Amino acid sequence: MKKALLIFILCLYFFSSHAQTQVSGAVTSAGDGAPLPGVNVRIKGSPSGTITDALGRYALMAEPADTLFFS
């Protein structure tokens, strides 16, 4: 029973140490700095993602080591 409790506590620690954080930003044109609405922002290797709003802004939950792709 003590062994099972120890494994449970270690699992909680492992999952809590890999918490996601909110990543946000804005996508703008390189030429004139105008906001780009409708850009697909996605996490590499994951189906998770979002689309920029009318002002080019986005926000999503990601791991610190994740890579974002914009298209």
PDB file of N, CA and C in Angstrom:
ATOM      1  N   MET A   1       0.836  -1.197   0.000  1.00  0.00           N
ATOM      2  CA  MET A   1       0.000   0.000   0.000  1.00  0.00           C
ATOM      3  C   MET A   1       0.876   1.253   0.000  1.00  0.00           C
ATOM      4  N   LYS A   2       1.968   1.245   0.785  1.00  0.00           N
ATOM      5  CA  LYS A   2       2.849   2.406   0.825  1.00  0.00           C
ATOM      6  C   LYS A   2       3.519   2.632  -0.531  1.00  0.00           C
ATOM      7  N   LYS A   3       3.838   1.523  -1.213  1.00  0.00           N
ATOM      8  CA  LYS A   3       4.470   1.631  -2.526  1.00  0.00           C
ATOM      9  C   LYS A   3       3.515   2.285  -3.531  1.00  0.00           C
ATOM     10  N   ALA A   4       2.253   1.904  -3.499  1.00  0.00           N
ATOM     11  CA  ALA A   4       1.256   2.476  -4.406  1.00  0.00           C
ATOM     12  C   ALA A   4       1.064   3.970  -4.115  1.00  0.00           C
ATOM     13  N   LEU A   5       1.062   4.339  -2.851  1.00  0.00           N
ATOM     14  CA  LEU A   5       0.915   5.741  -2.474  1.00  0.00           C
ATOM     15  C   LEU A   5       2.117   6.556  -2.947  1.00  0.00           C
ATOM     16  N   LEU A   6       3.301   5.997  -2.813  1.00  0.00           N
ATOM     17  CA  LEU A   6       4.508   6.679  -3.274  1.00  0.00           C
ATOM     18  C   LEU A   6       4.470   6.885  -4.783  1.00  0.00           C
ATOM     19  N   ILE A   7       4.067   5.883  -5.534  1.00  0.00           N
ATOM     20  CA  ILE A   7       3.963   6.002  -6.989  1.00  0.00           C
ATOM     21  C   ILE A   7       2.932   7.066  -7.358  1.00  0.00           C
ATOM     22  N   PHE A   8       1.813   7.092  -6.672  1.00  0.00           N
ATOM     23  CA  PHE A   8       0.775   8.092  -6.915  1.00  0.00           C
ATOM     24  C   PHE A   8       1.314   9.505  -6.686  1.00  0.00           C
ATOM     25  N   ILE A   9       2.035   9.707  -5.601  1.00  0.00           N
ATOM     26  CA  ILE A   9       2.601  11.030  -5.287  1.00  0.00           C
ATOM     27  C   ILE A   9       3.635  11.433  -6.336  1.00  0.00           C
ATOM     28  N   LEU A  10       4.469  10.496  -6.758  1.00  0.00           N
ATOM     29  CA  LEU A  10       5.457  10.796  -7.797  1.00  0.00           C
ATOM     30  C   LEU A  10       4.786  11.164  -9.117  1.00  0.00           C
ATOM     31  N   CYS A  11       3.698  10.487  -9.446  1.00  0.00           N
ATOM     32  CA  CYS A  11       2.957  10.820 -10.674  1.00  0.00           C
ATOM     33  C   CYS A  11       2.374  12.225 -10.593  1.00  0.00           C
ATOM     34  N   LEU A  12       1.822  12.582  -9.458  1.00  0.00           N
ATOM     35  CA  LEU A  12       1.288  13.943  -9.283  1.00  0.00           C
ATOM     36  C   LEU A  12       2.386  14.978  -9.456  1.00  0.00           C
ATOM     37  N   TYR A  13       3.546  14.718  -8.883  1.00  0.00           N
ATOM     38  CA  TYR A  13       4.677  15.640  -9.011  1.00  0.00           C
ATOM     39  C   TYR A  13       5.096  15.774 -10.471  1.00  0.00           C
ATOM     40  N   PHE A  14       5.201  14.638 -11.167  1.00  0.00           N
ATOM     41  CA  PHE A  14       5.620  14.660 -12.568  1.00  0.00           C
ATOM     42  C   PHE A  14       4.662  15.479 -13.422  1.00  0.00           C
ATOM     43  N   PHE A  15       3.363  15.235 -13.284  1.00  0.00           N
ATOM     44  CA  PHE A  15       2.395  15.950 -14.109  1.00  0.00           C
ATOM     45  C   PHE A  15       2.288  17.421 -13.732  1.00  0.00           C
ATOM     46  N   SER A  16       2.469  17.763 -12.475  1.00  0.00           N
ATOM     47  CA  SER A  16       2.395  19.161 -12.075  1.00  0.00           C
ATOM     48  C   SER A  16       3.631  19.937 -12.508  1.00  0.00           C
ATOM     49  N   SER A  17       4.776  19.250 -12.670  1.00  0.00           N
ATOM     50  CA  SER A  17       5.990  19.942 -13.085  1.00  0.00           C
ATOM     51  C   SER A  17       6.000  20.223 -14.588  1.00  0.00           C
ATOM     52  N   HIS A  18       5.085  19.643 -15.321  1.00  0.00           N
ATOM     53  CA  HIS A  18       4.992  19.860 -16.762  1.00  0.00           C
ATOM     54  C   HIS A  18       3.733  20.655 -17.095  1.00  0.00           C
ATOM     55  N   ALA A  19       3.470  21.684 -16.325  1.00  0.00           N
ATOM     56  CA  ALA A  19       2.273  22.480 -16.520  1.00  0.00           C
ATOM     57  C   ALA A  19       2.394  23.342 -17.761  1.00  0.00           C
ATOM     58  N   GLN A  20       1.288  23.491 -18.445  1.00  0.00           N
ATOM     59  CA  GLN A  20       1.249  24.356 -19.609  1.00  0.00           C
ATOM     60  C   GLN A  20       1.066  25.803 -19.176  1.00  0.00           C
ATOM     61  N   THR A  21       1.499  26.697 -20.028  1.00  0.00           N
ATOM     62  CA  THR A  21       1.314  28.121 -19.781  1.00  0.00           C
ATOM     63  C   THR A  21       0.639  28.737 -20.999  1.00  0.00           C
ATOM     64  N   GLN A  22       0.019  29.881 -20.786  1.00  0.00           N
ATOM     65  CA  GLN A  22      -0.628  30.559 -21.907  1.00  0.00           C
ATOM     66  C   GLN A  22       0.412  31.341 -22.700  1.00  0.00           C
ATOM     67  N   VAL A  23       0.405  31.117 -24.004  1.00  0.00           N
ATOM     68  CA  VAL A  23       1.277  31.832 -24.924  1.00  0.00           C
ATOM     69  C   VAL A  23       0.381  32.748 -25.742  1.00  0.00           C
ATOM     70  N   SER A  24       0.769  33.997 -25.871  1.00  0.00           N
ATOM     71  CA  SER A  24      -0.036  34.923 -26.662  1.00  0.00           C
ATOM     72  C   SER A  24       0.871  35.869 -27.431  1.00  0.00           C
ATOM     73  N   GLY A  25       0.319  36.467 -28.448  1.00  0.00           N
ATOM     74  CA  GLY A  25       1.086  37.410 -29.249  1.00  0.00           C
ATOM     75  C   GLY A  25       0.232  37.951 -30.374  1.00  0.00           C
ATOM     76  N   ALA A  26       0.888  38.598 -31.317  1.00  0.00           N
ATOM     77  CA  ALA A  26       0.195  39.159 -32.474  1.00  0.00           C
ATOM     78  C   ALA A  26       1.022  38.874 -33.713  1.00  0.00           C
ATOM     79  N   VAL A  27       0.344  38.580 -34.799  1.00  0.00           N
ATOM     80  CA  VAL A  27       0.997  38.334 -36.082  1.00  0.00           C
ATOM     81  C   VAL A  27       0.773  39.569 -36.942  1.00  0.00           C
ATOM     82  N   THR A  28       1.882  40.132 -37.435  1.00  0.00           N
ATOM     83  CA  THR A  28       1.796  41.342 -38.261  1.00  0.00           C
ATOM     84  C   THR A  28       2.577  41.162 -39.556  1.00  0.00           C
ATOM     85  N   SER A  29       2.263  41.993 -40.506  1.00  0.00           N
ATOM     86  CA  SER A  29       2.941  41.983 -41.792  1.00  0.00           C
ATOM     87  C   SER A  29       4.360  42.509 -41.636  1.00  0.00           C
ATOM     88  N   ALA A  30       5.322  41.843 -42.273  1.00  0.00           N
ATOM     89  CA  ALA A  30       6.715  42.297 -42.222  1.00  0.00           C
ATOM     90  C   ALA A  30       6.883  43.623 -42.961  1.00  0.00           C
ATOM     91  N   GLY A  31       6.070  43.832 -43.990  1.00  0.00           N
ATOM     92  CA  GLY A  31       6.209  45.036 -44.805  1.00  0.00           C
ATOM     93  C   GLY A  31       5.777  46.309 -44.113  1.00  0.00           C
ATOM     94  N   ASP A  32       4.542  46.320 -43.624  1.00  0.00           N
ATOM     95  CA  ASP A  32       4.008  47.558 -43.050  1.00  0.00           C
ATOM     96  C   ASP A  32       3.548  47.429 -41.600  1.00  0.00           C
ATOM     97  N   GLY A  33       3.690  46.243 -40.998  1.00  0.00           N
ATOM     98  CA  GLY A  33       3.312  46.063 -39.601  1.00  0.00           C
ATOM     99  C   GLY A  33       1.819  45.949 -39.364  1.00  0.00           C
ATOM    100  N   ALA A  34       1.038  45.797 -40.441  1.00  0.00           N
ATOM    101  CA  ALA A  34      -0.415  45.673 -40.305  1.00  0.00           C
ATOM    102  C   ALA A  34      -0.751  44.308 -39.694  1.00  0.00           C
ATOM    103  N   PRO A  35      -1.792  44.246 -38.847  1.00  0.00           N
ATOM    104  CA  PRO A  35      -2.189  42.964 -38.248  1.00  0.00           C
ATOM    105  C   PRO A  35      -2.685  41.998 -39.318  1.00  0.00           C
ATOM    106  N   LEU A  36      -2.416  40.704 -39.111  1.00  0.00           N
ATOM    107  CA  LEU A  36      -2.840  39.674 -40.052  1.00  0.00           C
ATOM    108  C   LEU A  36      -3.903  38.778 -39.408  1.00  0.00           C
ATOM    109  N   PRO A  37      -5.179  39.013 -39.718  1.00  0.00           N
ATOM    110  CA  PRO A  37      -6.239  38.156 -39.185  1.00  0.00           C
ATOM    111  C   PRO A  37      -6.302  36.834 -39.934  1.00  0.00           C
ATOM    112  N   GLY A  38      -6.786  35.788 -39.269  1.00  0.00           N
ATOM    113  CA  GLY A  38      -7.007  34.490 -39.899  1.00  0.00           C
ATOM    114  C   GLY A  38      -5.767  33.633 -40.079  1.00  0.00           C
ATOM    115  N   VAL A  39      -4.668  33.963 -39.412  1.00  0.00           N
ATOM    116  CA  VAL A  39      -3.459  33.145 -39.503  1.00  0.00           C
ATOM    117  C   VAL A  39      -3.612  31.932 -38.584  1.00  0.00           C
ATOM    118  N   ASN A  40      -3.269  30.752 -39.094  1.00  0.00           N
ATOM    119  CA  ASN A  40      -3.332  29.524 -38.319  1.00  0.00           C
ATOM    120  C   ASN A  40      -2.076  29.432 -37.455  1.00  0.00           C
ATOM    121  N   VAL A  41      -2.251  29.304 -36.129  1.00  0.00           N
ATOM    122  CA  VAL A  41      -1.137  29.152 -35.192  1.00  0.00           C
ATOM    123  C   VAL A  41      -1.298  27.788 -34.549  1.00  0.00           C
ATOM    124  N   ARG A  42      -0.289  26.916 -34.735  1.00  0.00           N
ATOM    125  CA  ARG A  42      -0.426  25.550 -34.247  1.00  0.00           C
ATOM    126  C   ARG A  42       0.846  25.095 -33.559  1.00  0.00           C
ATOM    127  N   ILE A  43       0.688  24.132 -32.643  1.00  0.00           N
ATOM    128  CA  ILE A  43       1.811  23.554 -31.909  1.00  0.00           C
ATOM    129  C   ILE A  43       2.345  22.369 -32.701  1.00  0.00           C
ATOM    130  N   LYS A  44       3.663  22.335 -32.931  1.00  0.00           N
ATOM    131  CA  LYS A  44       4.301  21.258 -33.687  1.00  0.00           C
ATOM    132  C   LYS A  44       4.004  19.905 -33.040  1.00  0.00           C
ATOM    133  N   GLY A  45       3.568  18.948 -33.863  1.00  0.00           N
ATOM    134  CA  GLY A  45       3.312  17.596 -33.392  1.00  0.00           C
ATOM    135  C   GLY A  45       2.036  17.445 -32.602  1.00  0.00           C
ATOM    136  N   SER A  46       1.163  18.441 -32.655  1.00  0.00           N
ATOM    137  CA  SER A  46      -0.072  18.405 -31.886  1.00  0.00           C
ATOM    138  C   SER A  46      -1.214  18.963 -32.736  1.00  0.00           C
ATOM    139  N   PRO A  47      -2.430  18.485 -32.504  1.00  0.00           N
ATOM    140  CA  PRO A  47      -3.563  19.079 -33.221  1.00  0.00           C
ATOM    141  C   PRO A  47      -4.007  20.414 -32.605  1.00  0.00           C
ATOM    142  N   SER A  48      -3.393  20.789 -31.489  1.00  0.00           N
ATOM    143  CA  SER A  48      -3.783  22.027 -30.802  1.00  0.00           C
ATOM    144  C   SER A  48      -3.343  23.251 -31.583  1.00  0.00           C
ATOM    145  N   GLY A  49      -4.204  24.234 -31.604  1.00  0.00           N
ATOM    146  CA  GLY A  49      -3.877  25.469 -32.280  1.00  0.00           C
ATOM    147  C   GLY A  49      -5.020  26.463 -32.190  1.00  0.00           C
ATOM    148  N   THR A  50      -4.852  27.581 -32.871  1.00  0.00           N
ATOM    149  CA  THR A  50      -5.858  28.624 -32.875  1.00  0.00           C
ATOM    150  C   THR A  50      -5.698  29.452 -34.139  1.00  0.00           C
ATOM    151  N   ILE A  51      -6.552  30.430 -34.303  1.00  0.00           N
ATOM    152  CA  ILE A  51      -6.506  31.341 -35.452  1.00  0.00           C
ATOM    153  C   ILE A  51      -6.465  32.759 -34.916  1.00  0.00           C
ATOM    154  N   THR A  52      -5.685  33.628 -35.557  1.00  0.00           N
ATOM    155  CA  THR A  52      -5.597  35.010 -35.095  1.00  0.00           C
ATOM    156  C   THR A  52      -6.931  35.739 -35.311  1.00  0.00           C
ATOM    157  N   ASP A  53      -7.200  36.687 -34.429  1.00  0.00           N
ATOM    158  CA  ASP A  53      -8.439  37.460 -34.523  1.00  0.00           C
ATOM    159  C   ASP A  53      -8.272  38.615 -35.524  1.00  0.00           C
ATOM    160  N   ALA A  54      -9.226  39.524 -35.557  1.00  0.00           N
ATOM    161  CA  ALA A  54      -9.214  40.641 -36.505  1.00  0.00           C
ATOM    162  C   ALA A  54      -8.008  41.563 -36.323  1.00  0.00           C
ATOM    163  N   LEU A  55      -7.421  41.558 -35.122  1.00  0.00           N
ATOM    164  CA  LEU A  55      -6.252  42.404 -34.862  1.00  0.00           C
ATOM    165  C   LEU A  55      -4.946  41.610 -34.910  1.00  0.00           C
ATOM    166  N   GLY A  56      -5.014  40.370 -35.406  1.00  0.00           N
ATOM    167  CA  GLY A  56      -3.828  39.540 -35.528  1.00  0.00           C
ATOM    168  C   GLY A  56      -3.391  38.879 -34.238  1.00  0.00           C
ATOM    169  N   ARG A  57      -4.198  38.973 -33.178  1.00  0.00           N
ATOM    170  CA  ARG A  57      -3.821  38.418 -31.871  1.00  0.00           C
ATOM    171  C   ARG A  57      -4.215  36.952 -31.747  1.00  0.00           C
ATOM    172  N   TYR A  58      -3.423  36.215 -30.949  1.00  0.00           N
ATOM    173  CA  TYR A  58      -3.712  34.812 -30.670  1.00  0.00           C
ATOM    174  C   TYR A  58      -3.326  34.509 -29.229  1.00  0.00           C
ATOM    175  N   ALA A  59      -3.893  33.427 -28.683  1.00  0.00           N
ATOM    176  CA  ALA A  59      -3.535  32.926 -27.350  1.00  0.00           C
ATOM    177  C   ALA A  59      -3.859  31.437 -27.321  1.00  0.00           C
ATOM    178  N   LEU A  60      -2.938  30.639 -26.772  1.00  0.00           N
ATOM    179  CA  LEU A  60      -3.168  29.213 -26.614  1.00  0.00           C
ATOM    180  C   LEU A  60      -2.294  28.678 -25.492  1.00  0.00           C
ATOM    181  N   MET A  61      -2.651  27.493 -25.000  1.00  0.00           N
ATOM    182  CA  MET A  61      -1.903  26.843 -23.934  1.00  0.00           C
ATOM    183  C   MET A  61      -0.831  25.965 -24.573  1.00  0.00           C
ATOM    184  N   ALA A  62       0.419  26.083 -24.070  1.00  0.00           N
ATOM    185  CA  ALA A  62       1.530  25.312 -24.633  1.00  0.00           C
ATOM    186  C   ALA A  62       2.571  25.037 -23.562  1.00  0.00           C
ATOM    187  N   GLU A  63       3.374  24.026 -23.806  1.00  0.00           N
ATOM    188  CA  GLU A  63       4.520  23.719 -22.954  1.00  0.00           C
ATOM    189  C   GLU A  63       5.640  24.709 -23.274  1.00  0.00           C
ATOM    190  N   PRO A  64       6.507  25.010 -22.320  1.00  0.00           N
ATOM    191  CA  PRO A  64       7.608  25.946 -22.596  1.00  0.00           C
ATOM    192  C   PRO A  64       8.509  25.521 -23.754  1.00  0.00           C
ATOM    193  N   ALA A  65       8.667  24.232 -23.996  1.00  0.00           N
ATOM    194  CA  ALA A  65       9.564  23.763 -25.056  1.00  0.00           C
ATOM    195  C   ALA A  65       8.858  23.574 -26.404  1.00  0.00           C
ATOM    196  N   ASP A  66       7.547  23.850 -26.487  1.00  0.00           N
ATOM    197  CA  ASP A  66       6.810  23.663 -27.735  1.00  0.00           C
ATOM    198  C   ASP A  66       7.269  24.650 -28.804  1.00  0.00           C
ATOM    199  N   THR A  67       7.114  24.231 -30.048  1.00  0.00           N
ATOM    200  CA  THR A  67       7.407  25.075 -31.203  1.00  0.00           C
ATOM    201  C   THR A  67       6.106  25.440 -31.885  1.00  0.00           C
ATOM    202  N   LEU A  68       5.918  26.714 -32.190  1.00  0.00           N
ATOM    203  CA  LEU A  68       4.711  27.172 -32.864  1.00  0.00           C
ATOM    204  C   LEU A  68       4.959  27.318 -34.354  1.00  0.00           C
ATOM    205  N   PHE A  69       3.948  26.952 -35.153  1.00  0.00           N
ATOM    206  CA  PHE A  69       3.986  27.118 -36.601  1.00  0.00           C
ATOM    207  C   PHE A  69       2.877  28.086 -37.001  1.00  0.00           C
ATOM    208  N   PHE A  70       3.195  28.981 -37.907  1.00  0.00           N
ATOM    209  CA  PHE A  70       2.241  29.990 -38.381  1.00  0.00           C
ATOM    210  C   PHE A  70       2.039  29.784 -39.879  1.00  0.00           C
ATOM    211  N   SER A  71       0.785  29.733 -40.301  1.00  0.00           N
ATOM    212  CA  SER A  71       0.507  29.605 -41.737  1.00  0.00           C
ATOM    213  C   SER A  71      -0.769  30.338 -42.087  1.00  0.00           C
TER     214      SER A  71
END
